[in-house]
Amino acid sequence: MEEVPFGVPPRIYNYRCSKCNYKSEMNEAIIDTAYGWSKKRTKTSDGETIPVLECPDCNRFSFVCID
Protein backbone atom coordinates (compact mmCIF):
# COMPACT_ATOMS: atom_id res chain seq x y z
CA MET A 1 0.00 0.00 0.00
CA GLU A 2 1.38 3.38 -1.02
CA GLU A 3 1.66 6.00 1.73
CA VAL A 4 0.10 9.41 1.13
CA PRO A 5 2.23 12.07 2.89
CA PHE A 6 -0.62 14.41 3.85
CA GLY A 7 -3.59 12.05 3.74
CA VAL A 8 -6.32 11.92 1.15
CA PRO A 9 -7.12 15.15 -0.69
CA PRO A 10 -10.06 17.16 0.71
CA ARG A 11 -13.46 16.75 -0.88
CA ILE A 12 -14.61 19.52 -3.22
CA TYR A 13 -18.22 20.75 -3.09
CA ASN A 14 -19.96 22.67 -5.87
CA TYR A 15 -21.79 25.76 -4.65
CA ARG A 16 -24.15 28.19 -6.39
CA CYS A 17 -25.80 31.35 -5.13
CA SER A 18 -29.59 31.10 -5.26
CA LYS A 19 -29.83 34.91 -5.71
CA CYS A 20 -27.15 35.87 -8.27
CA ASN A 21 -26.24 32.38 -9.69
CA TYR A 22 -22.52 32.78 -8.94
CA LYS A 23 -20.85 29.32 -8.99
CA SER A 24 -17.68 28.12 -7.29
CA GLU A 25 -16.03 25.03 -5.85
CA MET A 26 -15.54 24.92 -2.08
CA ASN A 27 -12.87 22.89 -0.34
CA GLU A 28 -13.86 20.58 2.52
CA ALA A 29 -11.70 22.59 4.96
CA ILE A 30 -13.75 25.74 4.24
CA ILE A 31 -16.98 23.81 4.81
CA ASP A 32 -15.69 22.39 8.10
CA THR A 33 -14.78 25.90 9.30
CA ALA A 34 -18.16 27.29 8.23
CA TYR A 35 -19.93 24.80 10.51
CA GLY A 36 -18.84 26.95 13.44
CA TRP A 37 -20.40 30.21 12.26
CA SER A 38 -23.06 29.43 9.66
CA LYS A 39 -26.57 29.15 11.11
CA LYS A 40 -28.28 27.87 7.92
CA ARG A 41 -27.91 24.28 6.73
CA THR A 42 -28.86 22.33 3.64
CA LYS A 43 -28.47 18.69 2.56
CA THR A 44 -26.34 17.29 -0.23
CA SER A 45 -27.60 14.68 -2.68
CA ASP A 46 -26.17 11.93 -0.45
CA GLY A 47 -27.97 13.28 2.66
CA GLU A 48 -24.99 15.03 4.25
CA THR A 49 -25.85 18.20 6.21
CA ILE A 50 -23.77 21.12 4.95
CA PRO A 51 -23.72 24.86 5.75
CA VAL A 52 -25.16 27.61 3.58
CA LEU A 53 -22.42 30.19 3.00
CA GLU A 54 -22.20 33.88 2.23
CA CYS A 55 -21.90 34.40 -1.52
CA PRO A 56 -18.50 35.89 -2.43
CA ASP A 57 -20.13 37.81 -5.29
CA CYS A 58 -23.31 39.36 -3.85
CA ASN A 59 -22.59 38.94 -0.09
CA ARG A 60 -25.95 37.31 0.73
CA PHE A 61 -26.24 34.10 2.75
CA SER A 62 -27.62 32.22 -0.23
CA PHE A 63 -24.56 30.22 -1.39
CA VAL A 64 -25.83 26.61 -1.32
CA CYS A 65 -24.30 23.27 -2.19
CA ILE A 66 -25.49 21.91 -5.54
CA ASP A 67 -23.46 18.71 -5.24
C-alpha atoms as a PDB file:
ATOM      1  CA  MET A   1       0.000   0.000   0.000  1.00  0.00           C
ATOM      2  CA  GLU A   2       1.383   3.383  -1.015  1.00  0.00           C
ATOM      3  CA  GLU A   3       1.662   5.998   1.726  1.00  0.00           C
ATOM      4  CA  VAL A   4       0.100   9.407   1.132  1.00  0.00           C
ATOM      5  CA  PRO A   5       2.230  12.070   2.889  1.00  0.00           C
ATOM      6  CA  PHE A   6      -0.619  14.414   3.853  1.00  0.00           C
ATOM      7  CA  GLY A   7      -3.587  12.053   3.735  1.00  0.00           C
ATOM      8  CA  VAL A   8      -6.319  11.920   1.150  1.00  0.00           C
ATOM      9  CA  PRO A   9      -7.125  15.150  -0.686  1.00  0.00           C
ATOM     10  CA  PRO A  10     -10.061  17.163   0.711  1.00  0.00           C
ATOM     11  CA  ARG A  11     -13.462  16.745  -0.885  1.00  0.00           C
ATOM     12  CA  ILE A  12     -14.610  19.515  -3.215  1.00  0.00           C
ATOM     13  CA  TYR A  13     -18.218  20.751  -3.095  1.00  0.00           C
ATOM     14  CA  ASN A  14     -19.960  22.671  -5.875  1.00  0.00           C
ATOM     15  CA  TYR A  15     -21.793  25.765  -4.645  1.00  0.00           C
ATOM     16  CA  ARG A  16     -24.152  28.189  -6.392  1.00  0.00           C
ATOM     17  CA  CYS A  17     -25.803  31.348  -5.131  1.00  0.00           C
ATOM     18  CA  SER A  18     -29.591  31.104  -5.259  1.00  0.00           C
ATOM     19  CA  LYS A  19     -29.827  34.908  -5.707  1.00  0.00           C
ATOM     20  CA  CYS A  20     -27.145  35.874  -8.274  1.00  0.00           C
ATOM     21  CA  ASN A  21     -26.242  32.384  -9.685  1.00  0.00           C
ATOM     22  CA  TYR A  22     -22.522  32.785  -8.943  1.00  0.00           C
ATOM     23  CA  LYS A  23     -20.852  29.323  -8.994  1.00  0.00           C
ATOM     24  CA  SER A  24     -17.683  28.117  -7.291  1.00  0.00           C
ATOM     25  CA  GLU A  25     -16.034  25.032  -5.850  1.00  0.00           C
ATOM     26  CA  MET A  26     -15.540  24.920  -2.082  1.00  0.00           C
ATOM     27  CA  ASN A  27     -12.870  22.893  -0.336  1.00  0.00           C
ATOM     28  CA  GLU A  28     -13.865  20.575   2.521  1.00  0.00           C
ATOM     29  CA  ALA A  29     -11.697  22.586   4.961  1.00  0.00           C
ATOM     30  CA  ILE A  30     -13.751  25.741   4.240  1.00  0.00           C
ATOM     31  CA  ILE A  31     -16.977  23.807   4.806  1.00  0.00           C
ATOM     32  CA  ASP A  32     -15.693  22.391   8.099  1.00  0.00           C
ATOM     33  CA  THR A  33     -14.775  25.896   9.299  1.00  0.00           C
ATOM     34  CA  ALA A  34     -18.157  27.290   8.232  1.00  0.00           C
ATOM     35  CA  TYR A  35     -19.933  24.805  10.512  1.00  0.00           C
ATOM     36  CA  GLY A  36     -18.843  26.954  13.440  1.00  0.00           C
ATOM     37  CA  TRP A  37     -20.402  30.208  12.257  1.00  0.00           C
ATOM     38  CA  SER A  38     -23.062  29.434   9.657  1.00  0.00           C
ATOM     39  CA  LYS A  39     -26.570  29.148  11.114  1.00  0.00           C
ATOM     40  CA  LYS A  40     -28.283  27.870   7.921  1.00  0.00           C
ATOM     41  CA  ARG A  41     -27.908  24.279   6.732  1.00  0.00           C
ATOM     42  CA  THR A  42     -28.865  22.325   3.637  1.00  0.00           C
ATOM     43  CA  LYS A  43     -28.471  18.687   2.561  1.00  0.00           C
ATOM     44  CA  THR A  44     -26.338  17.285  -0.232  1.00  0.00           C
ATOM     45  CA  SER A  45     -27.600  14.675  -2.676  1.00  0.00           C
ATOM     46  CA  ASP A  46     -26.169  11.928  -0.451  1.00  0.00           C
ATOM     47  CA  GLY A  47     -27.970  13.278   2.665  1.00  0.00           C
ATOM     48  CA  GLU A  48     -24.993  15.027   4.252  1.00  0.00           C
ATOM     49  CA  THR A  49     -25.852  18.202   6.209  1.00  0.00           C
ATOM     50  CA  ILE A  50     -23.766  21.120   4.953  1.00  0.00           C
ATOM     51  CA  PRO A  51     -23.722  24.859   5.752  1.00  0.00           C
ATOM     52  CA  VAL A  52     -25.162  27.609   3.581  1.00  0.00           C
ATOM     53  CA  LEU A  53     -22.420  30.187   2.999  1.00  0.00           C
ATOM     54  CA  GLU A  54     -22.201  33.877   2.231  1.00  0.00           C
ATOM     55  CA  CYS A  55     -21.902  34.402  -1.524  1.00  0.00           C
ATOM     56  CA  PRO A  56     -18.502  35.889  -2.430  1.00  0.00           C
ATOM     57  CA  ASP A  57     -20.130  37.809  -5.295  1.00  0.00           C
ATOM     58  CA  CYS A  58     -23.315  39.359  -3.846  1.00  0.00           C
ATOM     59  CA  ASN A  59     -22.586  38.941  -0.086  1.00  0.00           C
ATOM     60  CA  ARG A  60     -25.945  37.309   0.732  1.00  0.00           C
ATOM     61  CA  PHE A  61     -26.245  34.103   2.747  1.00  0.00           C
ATOM     62  CA  SER A  62     -27.618  32.223  -0.233  1.00  0.00           C
ATOM     63  CA  PHE A  63     -24.560  30.225  -1.389  1.00  0.00           C
ATOM     64  CA  VAL A  64     -25.832  26.610  -1.320  1.00  0.00           C
ATOM     65  CA  CYS A  65     -24.296  23.274  -2.191  1.00  0.00           C
ATOM     66  CA  ILE A  66     -25.493  21.908  -5.544  1.00  0.00           C
ATOM     67  CA  ASP A  67     -23.455  18.708  -5.243  1.00  0.00           C
END
